[in-house]
Full PDB file with SEQRES, HELIX, SHEET, SSBOND, CRYST1, ORIGX, SCALE, CONECT and MASTER records, all heavy atoms in Angstrom:
SEQRES   1 A   40  LEU ILE LEU ASP VAL PRO ALA GLU ILE GLY LEU GLN ARG          
SEQRES   2 A   40  ALA GLY GLY ARG ARG THR GLY GLU SER ARG PHE GLU GLN          
SEQRES   3 A   40  LYS GLY GLU ALA TYR GLN GLN ALA VAL ARG ASP ALA PHE          
SEQRES   4 A   40  LEU                                                          
HELIX    1 AA1 ALA A    7  ALA A   14  1                                   8    
HELIX    2 AA2 GLU A   25  LYS A   27  5                                   3    
HELIX    3 AA3 GLU A   29  PHE A   39  1                                  11    
CRYST1    1.000    1.000    1.000  90.00  90.00  90.00 P 1           1          
ORIGX1      1.000000  0.000000  0.000000        0.00000                         
ORIGX2      0.000000  1.000000  0.000000        0.00000                         
ORIGX3      0.000000  0.000000  1.000000        0.00000                         
SCALE1      1.000000  0.000000  0.000000        0.00000                         
SCALE2      0.000000  1.000000  0.000000        0.00000                         
SCALE3      0.000000  0.000000  1.000000        0.00000                         
ATOM      1  N   LEU A   1      52.290 -83.133 133.861  1.00  0.00           N  
ATOM      2  CA  LEU A   1      51.255 -82.280 133.277  1.00  0.00           C  
ATOM      3  C   LEU A   1      49.936 -82.610 133.947  1.00  0.00           C  
ATOM      4  O   LEU A   1      49.475 -83.752 133.881  1.00  0.00           O  
ATOM      5  CB  LEU A   1      51.156 -82.539 131.775  1.00  0.00           C  
ATOM      6  CG  LEU A   1      52.442 -82.337 130.979  1.00  0.00           C  
ATOM      7  CD1 LEU A   1      52.294 -82.934 129.590  1.00  0.00           C  
ATOM      8  CD2 LEU A   1      52.810 -80.859 130.896  1.00  0.00           C  
ATOM      9  N   ILE A   2      49.340 -81.642 134.610  1.00  0.00           N  
ATOM     10  CA  ILE A   2      48.067 -81.850 135.286  1.00  0.00           C  
ATOM     11  C   ILE A   2      46.976 -81.184 134.468  1.00  0.00           C  
ATOM     12  O   ILE A   2      46.895 -79.959 134.383  1.00  0.00           O  
ATOM     13  CB  ILE A   2      48.097 -81.300 136.726  1.00  0.00           C  
ATOM     14  CG1 ILE A   2      49.125 -82.079 137.557  1.00  0.00           C  
ATOM     15  CG2 ILE A   2      46.707 -81.385 137.365  1.00  0.00           C  
ATOM     16  CD1 ILE A   2      49.281 -81.591 138.974  1.00  0.00           C  
ATOM     17  N   LEU A   3      46.141 -82.009 133.849  1.00  0.00           N  
ATOM     18  CA  LEU A   3      45.048 -81.504 133.018  1.00  0.00           C  
ATOM     19  C   LEU A   3      43.859 -81.206 133.934  1.00  0.00           C  
ATOM     20  O   LEU A   3      43.261 -82.112 134.503  1.00  0.00           O  
ATOM     21  CB  LEU A   3      44.674 -82.519 131.937  1.00  0.00           C  
ATOM     22  CG  LEU A   3      45.512 -82.468 130.653  1.00  0.00           C  
ATOM     23  CD1 LEU A   3      47.000 -82.603 130.936  1.00  0.00           C  
ATOM     24  CD2 LEU A   3      45.053 -83.501 129.658  1.00  0.00           C  
ATOM     25  N   ASP A   4      43.549 -79.929 134.049  1.00  0.00           N  
ATOM     26  CA  ASP A   4      42.559 -79.474 135.024  1.00  0.00           C  
ATOM     27  C   ASP A   4      41.226 -79.169 134.350  1.00  0.00           C  
ATOM     28  O   ASP A   4      41.174 -78.417 133.371  1.00  0.00           O  
ATOM     29  CB  ASP A   4      43.085 -78.216 135.729  1.00  0.00           C  
ATOM     30  CG  ASP A   4      42.083 -77.653 136.715  1.00  0.00           C  
ATOM     31  OD1 ASP A   4      41.587 -78.412 137.569  1.00  0.00           O  
ATOM     32  OD2 ASP A   4      41.770 -76.441 136.625  1.00  0.00           O  
ATOM     33  N   VAL A   5      40.163 -79.758 134.884  1.00  0.00           N  
ATOM     34  CA  VAL A   5      38.826 -79.550 134.343  1.00  0.00           C  
ATOM     35  C   VAL A   5      37.824 -79.579 135.492  1.00  0.00           C  
ATOM     36  O   VAL A   5      37.985 -80.355 136.438  1.00  0.00           O  
ATOM     37  CB  VAL A   5      38.499 -80.630 133.281  1.00  0.00           C  
ATOM     38  CG1 VAL A   5      38.406 -82.010 133.894  1.00  0.00           C  
ATOM     39  CG2 VAL A   5      37.248 -80.296 132.517  1.00  0.00           C  
ATOM     40  N   PRO A   6      36.786 -78.718 135.479  1.00  0.00           N  
ATOM     41  CA  PRO A   6      35.762 -78.783 136.512  1.00  0.00           C  
ATOM     42  C   PRO A   6      35.125 -80.168 136.578  1.00  0.00           C  
ATOM     43  O   PRO A   6      34.961 -80.846 135.561  1.00  0.00           O  
ATOM     44  CB  PRO A   6      34.749 -77.717 136.074  1.00  0.00           C  
ATOM     45  CG  PRO A   6      35.550 -76.751 135.270  1.00  0.00           C  
ATOM     46  CD  PRO A   6      36.568 -77.585 134.543  1.00  0.00           C  
ATOM     47  N   ALA A   7      34.749 -80.575 137.775  1.00  0.00           N  
ATOM     48  CA  ALA A   7      34.245 -81.933 137.983  1.00  0.00           C  
ATOM     49  C   ALA A   7      33.028 -82.241 137.120  1.00  0.00           C  
ATOM     50  O   ALA A   7      32.926 -83.337 136.552  1.00  0.00           O  
ATOM     51  CB  ALA A   7      33.920 -82.138 139.460  1.00  0.00           C  
ATOM     52  N   GLU A   8      32.110 -81.296 136.993  1.00  0.00           N  
ATOM     53  CA  GLU A   8      30.893 -81.592 136.235  1.00  0.00           C  
ATOM     54  C   GLU A   8      31.193 -81.818 134.755  1.00  0.00           C  
ATOM     55  O   GLU A   8      30.584 -82.671 134.100  1.00  0.00           O  
ATOM     56  CB  GLU A   8      29.859 -80.478 136.412  1.00  0.00           C  
ATOM     57  CG  GLU A   8      30.237 -79.108 135.879  1.00  0.00           C  
ATOM     58  CD  GLU A   8      31.009 -78.254 136.873  1.00  0.00           C  
ATOM     59  OE1 GLU A   8      31.529 -78.802 137.869  1.00  0.00           O  
ATOM     60  OE2 GLU A   8      31.075 -77.024 136.655  1.00  0.00           O  
ATOM     61  N   ILE A   9      32.163 -81.068 134.215  1.00  0.00           N  
ATOM     62  CA  ILE A   9      32.539 -81.251 132.816  1.00  0.00           C  
ATOM     63  C   ILE A   9      33.250 -82.586 132.629  1.00  0.00           C  
ATOM     64  O   ILE A   9      32.984 -83.331 131.682  1.00  0.00           O  
ATOM     65  CB  ILE A   9      33.429 -80.085 132.338  1.00  0.00           C  
ATOM     66  CG1 ILE A   9      32.642 -78.771 132.352  1.00  0.00           C  
ATOM     67  CG2 ILE A   9      33.983 -80.362 130.937  1.00  0.00           C  
ATOM     68  CD1 ILE A   9      33.460 -77.551 131.978  1.00  0.00           C  
ATOM     69  N   GLY A  10      34.144 -82.904 133.539  1.00  0.00           N  
ATOM     70  CA  GLY A  10      34.858 -84.164 133.455  1.00  0.00           C  
ATOM     71  C   GLY A  10      33.925 -85.354 133.500  1.00  0.00           C  
ATOM     72  O   GLY A  10      34.078 -86.317 132.727  1.00  0.00           O  
ATOM     73  N   LEU A  11      32.930 -85.310 134.373  1.00  0.00           N  
ATOM     74  CA  LEU A  11      31.990 -86.427 134.469  1.00  0.00           C  
ATOM     75  C   LEU A  11      31.125 -86.530 133.220  1.00  0.00           C  
ATOM     76  O   LEU A  11      30.787 -87.635 132.780  1.00  0.00           O  
ATOM     77  CB  LEU A  11      31.122 -86.271 135.712  1.00  0.00           C  
ATOM     78  CG  LEU A  11      31.807 -86.623 137.037  1.00  0.00           C  
ATOM     79  CD1 LEU A  11      30.905 -86.275 138.218  1.00  0.00           C  
ATOM     80  CD2 LEU A  11      32.197 -88.097 137.085  1.00  0.00           C  
ATOM     81  N   GLN A  12      30.750 -85.400 132.640  1.00  0.00           N  
ATOM     82  CA  GLN A  12      29.988 -85.436 131.392  1.00  0.00           C  
ATOM     83  C   GLN A  12      30.796 -86.105 130.286  1.00  0.00           C  
ATOM     84  O   GLN A  12      30.287 -86.943 129.537  1.00  0.00           O  
ATOM     85  CB  GLN A  12      29.606 -84.016 130.974  1.00  0.00           C  
ATOM     86  CG  GLN A  12      28.526 -83.385 131.837  1.00  0.00           C  
ATOM     87  CD  GLN A  12      28.328 -81.904 131.520  1.00  0.00           C  
ATOM     88  OE1 GLN A  12      28.919 -81.370 130.579  1.00  0.00           O  
ATOM     89  NE2 GLN A  12      27.505 -81.230 132.303  1.00  0.00           N  
ATOM     90  N   ARG A  13      32.056 -85.757 130.191  1.00  0.00           N  
ATOM     91  CA  ARG A  13      32.914 -86.360 129.175  1.00  0.00           C  
ATOM     92  C   ARG A  13      33.110 -87.851 129.449  1.00  0.00           C  
ATOM     93  O   ARG A  13      33.029 -88.678 128.541  1.00  0.00           O  
ATOM     94  CB  ARG A  13      34.271 -85.667 129.153  1.00  0.00           C  
ATOM     95  CG  ARG A  13      34.246 -84.233 128.662  1.00  0.00           C  
ATOM     96  CD  ARG A  13      35.633 -83.637 128.801  1.00  0.00           C  
ATOM     97  NE  ARG A  13      35.724 -82.269 128.312  1.00  0.00           N  
ATOM     98  CZ  ARG A  13      36.808 -81.508 128.444  1.00  0.00           C  
ATOM     99  NH1 ARG A  13      37.883 -82.008 129.053  1.00  0.00           N  
ATOM    100  NH2 ARG A  13      36.829 -80.278 127.992  1.00  0.00           N  
ATOM    101  N   ALA A  14      33.395 -88.179 130.696  1.00  0.00           N  
ATOM    102  CA  ALA A  14      33.650 -89.579 131.057  1.00  0.00           C  
ATOM    103  C   ALA A  14      32.428 -90.450 130.816  1.00  0.00           C  
ATOM    104  O   ALA A  14      32.553 -91.632 130.493  1.00  0.00           O  
ATOM    105  CB  ALA A  14      34.087 -89.673 132.512  1.00  0.00           C  
ATOM    106  N   GLY A  15      31.247 -89.865 130.937  1.00  0.00           N  
ATOM    107  CA  GLY A  15      30.029 -90.625 130.729  1.00  0.00           C  
ATOM    108  C   GLY A  15      29.849 -91.094 129.310  1.00  0.00           C  
ATOM    109  O   GLY A  15      29.097 -92.040 129.052  1.00  0.00           O  
ATOM    110  N   GLY A  16      30.551 -90.468 128.369  1.00  0.00           N  
ATOM    111  CA  GLY A  16      30.451 -90.860 126.970  1.00  0.00           C  
ATOM    112  C   GLY A  16      31.422 -91.947 126.561  1.00  0.00           C  
ATOM    113  O   GLY A  16      31.387 -92.425 125.437  1.00  0.00           O  
ATOM    114  N   ARG A  17      32.284 -92.365 127.490  1.00  0.00           N  
ATOM    115  CA  ARG A  17      33.241 -93.414 127.155  1.00  0.00           C  
ATOM    116  C   ARG A  17      32.581 -94.780 127.245  1.00  0.00           C  
ATOM    117  O   ARG A  17      31.627 -94.983 127.969  1.00  0.00           O  
ATOM    118  CB  ARG A  17      34.441 -93.360 128.107  1.00  0.00           C  
ATOM    119  CG  ARG A  17      35.205 -92.063 128.012  1.00  0.00           C  
ATOM    120  CD  ARG A  17      36.468 -92.081 128.824  1.00  0.00           C  
ATOM    121  NE  ARG A  17      36.254 -92.388 130.233  1.00  0.00           N  
ATOM    122  CZ  ARG A  17      37.054 -91.971 131.201  1.00  0.00           C  
ATOM    123  NH1 ARG A  17      38.110 -91.258 130.912  1.00  0.00           N  
ATOM    124  NH2 ARG A  17      36.813 -92.288 132.450  1.00  0.00           N  
ATOM    125  N   ARG A  18      33.153 -95.746 126.537  1.00  0.00           N  
ATOM    126  CA  ARG A  18      32.568 -97.078 126.495  1.00  0.00           C  
ATOM    127  C   ARG A  18      33.529 -98.150 126.990  1.00  0.00           C  
ATOM    128  O   ARG A  18      33.400 -99.318 126.653  1.00  0.00           O  
ATOM    129  CB  ARG A  18      32.133 -97.405 125.062  1.00  0.00           C  
ATOM    130  CG  ARG A  18      31.048 -96.458 124.543  1.00  0.00           C  
ATOM    131  CD  ARG A  18      30.623 -96.815 123.131  1.00  0.00           C  
ATOM    132  NE  ARG A  18      29.594 -95.906 122.648  1.00  0.00           N  
ATOM    133  CZ  ARG A  18      29.049 -95.991 121.438  1.00  0.00           C  
ATOM    134  NH1 ARG A  18      29.450 -96.933 120.590  1.00  0.00           N  
ATOM    135  NH2 ARG A  18      28.119 -95.127 121.051  1.00  0.00           N  
ATOM    136  N   THR A  19      34.495 -97.771 127.817  1.00  0.00           N  
ATOM    137  CA  THR A  19      35.475 -98.744 128.284  1.00  0.00           C  
ATOM    138  C   THR A  19      34.909 -99.634 129.388  1.00  0.00           C  
ATOM    139  O   THR A  19      35.407-100.715 129.619  1.00  0.00           O  
ATOM    140  CB  THR A  19      36.720 -98.031 128.836  1.00  0.00           C  
ATOM    141  OG1 THR A  19      36.343 -97.235 129.971  1.00  0.00           O  
ATOM    142  CG2 THR A  19      37.338 -97.140 127.772  1.00  0.00           C  
ATOM    143  N   GLY A  20      33.874 -99.167 130.096  1.00  0.00           N  
ATOM    144  CA  GLY A  20      33.331 -99.925 131.208  1.00  0.00           C  
ATOM    145  C   GLY A  20      34.092 -99.734 132.503  1.00  0.00           C  
ATOM    146  O   GLY A  20      33.650-100.166 133.565  1.00  0.00           O  
ATOM    147  N   GLU A  21      35.254 -99.071 132.447  1.00  0.00           N  
ATOM    148  CA  GLU A  21      36.067 -98.860 133.648  1.00  0.00           C  
ATOM    149  C   GLU A  21      35.622 -97.571 134.338  1.00  0.00           C  
ATOM    150  O   GLU A  21      36.295 -96.557 134.321  1.00  0.00           O  
ATOM    151  CB  GLU A  21      37.549 -98.808 133.270  1.00  0.00           C  
ATOM    152  CG  GLU A  21      38.045-100.120 132.659  1.00  0.00           C  
ATOM    153  CD  GLU A  21      39.494-100.051 132.228  1.00  0.00           C  
ATOM    154  OE1 GLU A  21      40.002 -98.930 132.001  1.00  0.00           O  
ATOM    155  OE2 GLU A  21      40.128-101.119 132.106  1.00  0.00           O  
ATOM    156  N   SER A  22      34.462 -97.639 134.976  1.00  0.00           N  
ATOM    157  CA  SER A  22      33.824 -96.414 135.469  1.00  0.00           C  
ATOM    158  C   SER A  22      33.678 -96.369 136.985  1.00  0.00           C  
ATOM    159  O   SER A  22      32.900 -95.579 137.513  1.00  0.00           O  
ATOM    160  CB  SER A  22      32.437 -96.276 134.835  1.00  0.00           C  
ATOM    161  OG  SER A  22      31.615 -97.381 135.192  1.00  0.00           O  
ATOM    162  N   ARG A  23      34.408 -97.211 137.689  1.00  0.00           N  
ATOM    163  CA  ARG A  23      34.199 -97.299 139.137  1.00  0.00           C  
ATOM    164  C   ARG A  23      34.431 -95.973 139.846  1.00  0.00           C  
ATOM    165  O   ARG A  23      33.652 -95.581 140.728  1.00  0.00           O  
ATOM    166  CB  ARG A  23      35.120 -98.373 139.715  1.00  0.00           C  
ATOM    167  CG  ARG A  23      34.916 -98.581 141.205  1.00  0.00           C  
ATOM    168  CD  ARG A  23      35.649 -99.789 141.755  1.00  0.00           C  
ATOM    169  NE  ARG A  23      35.708 -99.659 143.182  1.00  0.00           N  
ATOM    170  CZ  ARG A  23      36.718 -99.123 143.859  1.00  0.00           C  
ATOM    171  NH1 ARG A  23      37.797 -98.714 143.199  1.00  0.00           N  
ATOM    172  NH2 ARG A  23      36.674 -98.994 145.167  1.00  0.00           N  
ATOM    173  N   PHE A  24      35.472 -95.245 139.480  1.00  0.00           N  
ATOM    174  CA  PHE A  24      35.762 -93.985 140.173  1.00  0.00           C  
ATOM    175  C   PHE A  24      34.804 -92.878 139.753  1.00  0.00           C  
ATOM    176  O   PHE A  24      34.447 -92.024 140.573  1.00  0.00           O  
ATOM    177  CB  PHE A  24      37.223 -93.579 139.954  1.00  0.00           C  
ATOM    178  CG  PHE A  24      38.186 -94.412 140.746  1.00  0.00           C  
ATOM    179  CD1 PHE A  24      38.821 -95.493 140.167  1.00  0.00           C  
ATOM    180  CD2 PHE A  24      38.423 -94.147 142.081  1.00  0.00           C  
ATOM    181  CE1 PHE A  24      39.693 -96.287 140.899  1.00  0.00           C  
ATOM    182  CE2 PHE A  24      39.287 -94.925 142.831  1.00  0.00           C  
ATOM    183  CZ  PHE A  24      39.924 -96.010 142.244  1.00  0.00           C  
ATOM    184  N   GLU A  25      34.343 -92.904 138.498  1.00  0.00           N  
ATOM    185  CA  GLU A  25      33.334 -91.932 138.086  1.00  0.00           C  
ATOM    186  C   GLU A  25      32.046 -92.114 138.895  1.00  0.00           C  
ATOM    187  O   GLU A  25      31.349 -91.147 139.196  1.00  0.00           O  
ATOM    188  CB  GLU A  25      33.024 -92.067 136.599  1.00  0.00           C  
ATOM    189  CG  GLU A  25      34.143 -91.602 135.675  1.00  0.00           C  
ATOM    190  CD  GLU A  25      35.003 -92.754 135.212  1.00  0.00           C  
ATOM    191  OE1 GLU A  25      35.325 -93.628 136.057  1.00  0.00           O  
ATOM    192  OE2 GLU A  25      35.373 -92.789 134.030  1.00  0.00           O  
ATOM    193  N   GLN A  26      31.736 -93.361 139.255  1.00  0.00           N  
ATOM    194  CA  GLN A  26      30.522 -93.649 140.007  1.00  0.00           C  
ATOM    195  C   GLN A  26      30.548 -93.083 141.426  1.00  0.00           C  
ATOM    196  O   GLN A  26      29.510 -93.018 142.086  1.00  0.00           O  
ATOM    197  CB  GLN A  26      30.304 -95.162 140.077  1.00  0.00           C  
ATOM    198  CG  GLN A  26      29.952 -95.817 138.753  1.00  0.00           C  
ATOM    199  CD  GLN A  26      29.814 -97.322 138.899  1.00  0.00           C  
ATOM    200  OE1 GLN A  26      29.106 -97.808 139.777  1.00  0.00           O  
ATOM    201  NE2 GLN A  26      30.511 -98.060 138.053  1.00  0.00           N  
ATOM    202  N   LYS A  27      31.702 -92.661 141.875  1.00  0.00           N  
ATOM    203  CA  LYS A  27      31.780 -92.079 143.222  1.00  0.00           C  
ATOM    204  C   LYS A  27      31.177 -90.677 143.286  1.00  0.00           C  
ATOM    205  O   LYS A  27      30.998 -90.135 144.370  1.00  0.00           O  
ATOM    206  CB  LYS A  27      33.235 -92.061 143.707  1.00  0.00           C  
ATOM    207  CG  LYS A  27      33.806 -93.461 143.902  1.00  0.00           C  
ATOM    208  CD  LYS A  27      35.121 -93.430 144.656  1.00  0.00           C  
ATOM    209  CE  LYS A  27      35.631 -94.856 144.892  1.00  0.00           C  
ATOM    210  NZ  LYS A  27      36.773 -94.892 145.837  1.00  0.00           N  
ATOM    211  N   GLY A  28      30.894 -90.081 142.129  1.00  0.00           N  
ATOM    212  CA  GLY A  28      30.112 -88.859 142.106  1.00  0.00           C  
ATOM    213  C   GLY A  28      30.892 -87.571 141.994  1.00  0.00           C  
ATOM    214  O   GLY A  28      32.127 -87.536 142.058  1.00  0.00           O  
ATOM    215  N   GLU A  29      30.132 -86.486 141.821  1.00  0.00           N  
ATOM    216  CA  GLU A  29      30.731 -85.185 141.547  1.00  0.00           C  
ATOM    217  C   GLU A  29      31.521 -84.633 142.725  1.00  0.00           C  
ATOM    218  O   GLU A  29      32.591 -84.038 142.537  1.00  0.00           O  
ATOM    219  CB  GLU A  29      29.649 -84.188 141.130  1.00  0.00           C  
ATOM    220  CG  GLU A  29      30.197 -82.853 140.666  1.00  0.00           C  
ATOM    221  CD  GLU A  29      29.139 -81.926 140.111  1.00  0.00           C  
ATOM    222  OE1 GLU A  29      28.198 -82.428 139.451  1.00  0.00           O  
ATOM    223  OE2 GLU A  29      29.256 -80.713 140.324  1.00  0.00           O  
ATOM    224  N   ALA A  30      31.019 -84.817 143.954  1.00  0.00           N  
ATOM    225  CA  ALA A  30      31.739 -84.290 145.112  1.00  0.00           C  
ATOM    226  C   ALA A  30      33.118 -84.946 145.233  1.00  0.00           C  
ATOM    227  O   ALA A  30      34.123 -84.272 145.533  1.00  0.00           O  
ATOM    228  CB  ALA A  30      30.930 -84.512 146.383  1.00  0.00           C  
ATOM    229  N   TYR A  31      33.168 -86.238 144.994  1.00  0.00           N  
ATOM    230  CA  TYR A  31      34.453 -86.947 145.041  1.00  0.00           C  
ATOM    231  C   TYR A  31      35.375 -86.450 143.931  1.00  0.00           C  
ATOM    232  O   TYR A  31      36.556 -86.177 144.174  1.00  0.00           O  
ATOM    233  CB  TYR A  31      34.217 -88.449 144.902  1.00  0.00           C  
ATOM    234  CG  TYR A  31      35.482 -89.274 144.903  1.00  0.00           C  
ATOM    235  CD1 TYR A  31      36.150 -89.573 146.084  1.00  0.00           C  
ATOM    236  CD2 TYR A  31      36.012 -89.764 143.707  1.00  0.00           C  
ATOM    237  CE1 TYR A  31      37.311 -90.331 146.081  1.00  0.00           C  
ATOM    238  CE2 TYR A  31      37.176 -90.523 143.684  1.00  0.00           C  
ATOM    239  CZ  TYR A  31      37.812 -90.809 144.876  1.00  0.00           C  
ATOM    240  OH  TYR A  31      38.965 -91.558 144.867  1.00  0.00           O  
ATOM    241  N   GLN A  32      34.838 -86.302 142.718  1.00  0.00           N  
ATOM    242  CA  GLN A  32      35.654 -85.832 141.603  1.00  0.00           C  
ATOM    243  C   GLN A  32      36.155 -84.405 141.841  1.00  0.00           C  
ATOM    244  O   GLN A  32      37.276 -84.061 141.453  1.00  0.00           O  
ATOM    245  CB  GLN A  32      34.860 -85.910 140.299  1.00  0.00           C  
ATOM    246  CG  GLN A  32      34.593 -87.324 139.820  1.00  0.00           C  
ATOM    247  CD  GLN A  32      35.847 -88.045 139.360  1.00  0.00           C  
ATOM    248  OE1 GLN A  32      36.759 -87.426 138.808  1.00  0.00           O  
ATOM    249  NE2 GLN A  32      35.903 -89.348 139.575  1.00  0.00           N  
ATOM    250  N   GLN A  33      35.342 -83.578 142.484  1.00  0.00           N  
ATOM    251  CA  GLN A  33      35.795 -82.223 142.809  1.00  0.00           C  
ATOM    252  C   GLN A  33      36.930 -82.270 143.822  1.00  0.00           C  
ATOM    253  O   GLN A  33      37.893 -81.492 143.734  1.00  0.00           O  
ATOM    254  CB  GLN A  33      34.639 -81.378 143.347  1.00  0.00           C  
ATOM    255  CG  GLN A  33      35.020 -79.932 143.636  1.00  0.00           C  
ATOM    256  CD  GLN A  33      35.508 -79.190 142.401  1.00  0.00           C  
ATOM    257  OE1 GLN A  33      34.877 -79.250 141.347  1.00  0.00           O  
ATOM    258  NE2 GLN A  33      36.651 -78.505 142.507  1.00  0.00           N  
ATOM    259  N   ALA A  34      36.830 -83.184 144.792  1.00  0.00           N  
ATOM    260  CA  ALA A  34      37.906 -83.346 145.770  1.00  0.00           C  
ATOM    261  C   ALA A  34      39.187 -83.814 145.099  1.00  0.00           C  
ATOM    262  O   ALA A  34      40.293 -83.405 145.473  1.00  0.00           O  
ATOM    263  CB  ALA A  34      37.479 -84.327 146.859  1.00  0.00           C  
ATOM    264  N   VAL A  35      39.048 -84.674 144.096  1.00  0.00           N  
ATOM    265  CA  VAL A  35      40.211 -85.123 143.325  1.00  0.00           C  
ATOM    266  C   VAL A  35      40.839 -83.946 142.586  1.00  0.00           C  
ATOM    267  O   VAL A  35      42.063 -83.764 142.591  1.00  0.00           O  
ATOM    268  CB  VAL A  35      39.809 -86.234 142.332  1.00  0.00           C  
ATOM    269  CG1 VAL A  35      40.938 -86.504 141.335  1.00  0.00           C  
ATOM    270  CG2 VAL A  35      39.442 -87.514 143.074  1.00  0.00           C  
ATOM    271  N   ARG A  36      39.992 -83.134 141.967  1.00  0.00           N  
ATOM    272  CA  ARG A  36      40.510 -81.964 141.255  1.00  0.00           C  
ATOM    273  C   ARG A  36      41.260 -81.034 142.207  1.00  0.00           C  
ATOM    274  O   ARG A  36      42.376 -80.576 141.908  1.00  0.00           O  
ATOM    275  CB  ARG A  36      39.362 -81.199 140.593  1.00  0.00           C  
ATOM    276  CG  ARG A  36      39.830 -79.980 139.825  1.00  0.00           C  
ATOM    277  CD  ARG A  36      38.701 -79.026 139.490  1.00  0.00           C  
ATOM    278  NE  ARG A  36      39.166 -77.935 138.644  1.00  0.00           N  
ATOM    279  CZ  ARG A  36      38.475 -76.829 138.400  1.00  0.00           C  
ATOM    280  NH1 ARG A  36      37.261 -76.667 138.927  1.00  0.00           N  
ATOM    281  NH2 ARG A  36      38.976 -75.884 137.615  1.00  0.00           N  
ATOM    282  N   ASP A  37      40.658 -80.749 143.348  1.00  0.00           N  
ATOM    283  CA  ASP A  37      41.300 -79.879 144.338  1.00  0.00           C  
ATOM    284  C   ASP A  37      42.632 -80.467 144.797  1.00  0.00           C  
ATOM    285  O   ASP A  37      43.606 -79.732 145.024  1.00  0.00           O  
ATOM    286  CB  ASP A  37      40.381 -79.676 145.537  1.00  0.00           C  
ATOM    287  CG  ASP A  37      39.129 -78.877 145.197  1.00  0.00           C  
ATOM    288  OD1 ASP A  37      39.118 -78.187 144.156  1.00  0.00           O  
ATOM    289  OD2 ASP A  37      38.154 -78.949 145.982  1.00  0.00           O  
ATOM    290  N   ALA A  38      42.676 -81.794 144.931  1.00  0.00           N  
ATOM    291  CA  ALA A  38      43.909 -82.451 145.364  1.00  0.00           C  
ATOM    292  C   ALA A  38      45.016 -82.274 144.326  1.00  0.00           C  
ATOM    293  O   ALA A  38      46.173 -81.982 144.673  1.00  0.00           O  
ATOM    294  CB  ALA A  38      43.644 -83.929 145.615  1.00  0.00           C  
ATOM    295  N   PHE A  39      44.687 -82.441 143.061  1.00  0.00           N  
ATOM    296  CA  PHE A  39      45.699 -82.266 142.023  1.00  0.00           C  
ATOM    297  C   PHE A  39      46.234 -80.829 142.003  1.00  0.00           C  
ATOM    298  O   PHE A  39      47.442 -80.611 141.833  1.00  0.00           O  
ATOM    299  CB  PHE A  39      45.131 -82.621 140.647  1.00  0.00           C  
ATOM    300  CG  PHE A  39      45.188 -84.083 140.318  1.00  0.00           C  
ATOM    301  CD1 PHE A  39      44.034 -84.781 140.001  1.00  0.00           C  
ATOM    302  CD2 PHE A  39      46.393 -84.762 140.323  1.00  0.00           C  
ATOM    303  CE1 PHE A  39      44.077 -86.133 139.689  1.00  0.00           C  
ATOM    304  CE2 PHE A  39      46.450 -86.117 140.017  1.00  0.00           C  
ATOM    305  CZ  PHE A  39      45.298 -86.800 139.702  1.00  0.00           C  
ATOM    306  N   LEU A  40      45.351 -79.864 142.194  1.00  0.00           N  
ATOM    307  CA  LEU A  40      45.806 -78.471 142.220  1.00  0.00           C  
ATOM    308  C   LEU A  40      46.707 -78.210 143.420  1.00  0.00           C  
ATOM    309  O   LEU A  40      47.691 -77.466 143.320  1.00  0.00           O  
ATOM    310  CB  LEU A  40      44.600 -77.529 142.222  1.00  0.00           C  
ATOM    311  CG  LEU A  40      43.769 -77.553 140.926  1.00  0.00           C  
ATOM    312  CD1 LEU A  40      42.523 -76.686 141.084  1.00  0.00           C  
ATOM    313  CD2 LEU A  40      44.600 -77.096 139.732  1.00  0.00           C  
TER     314      LEU A  40                                                      
MASTER        0    0    0    3    0    0    0    6  313    1    0    4          
END                                                                             
């Protein structure tokens, strides 16, 4: 199951988490968009 969400929305949601495991989110929106495109 591939849960698909635009990069900007995903980063907004991820920013509200408190796990501290944010290394990949810190790579930025362009990287997250590339990840989304890759999953599709």
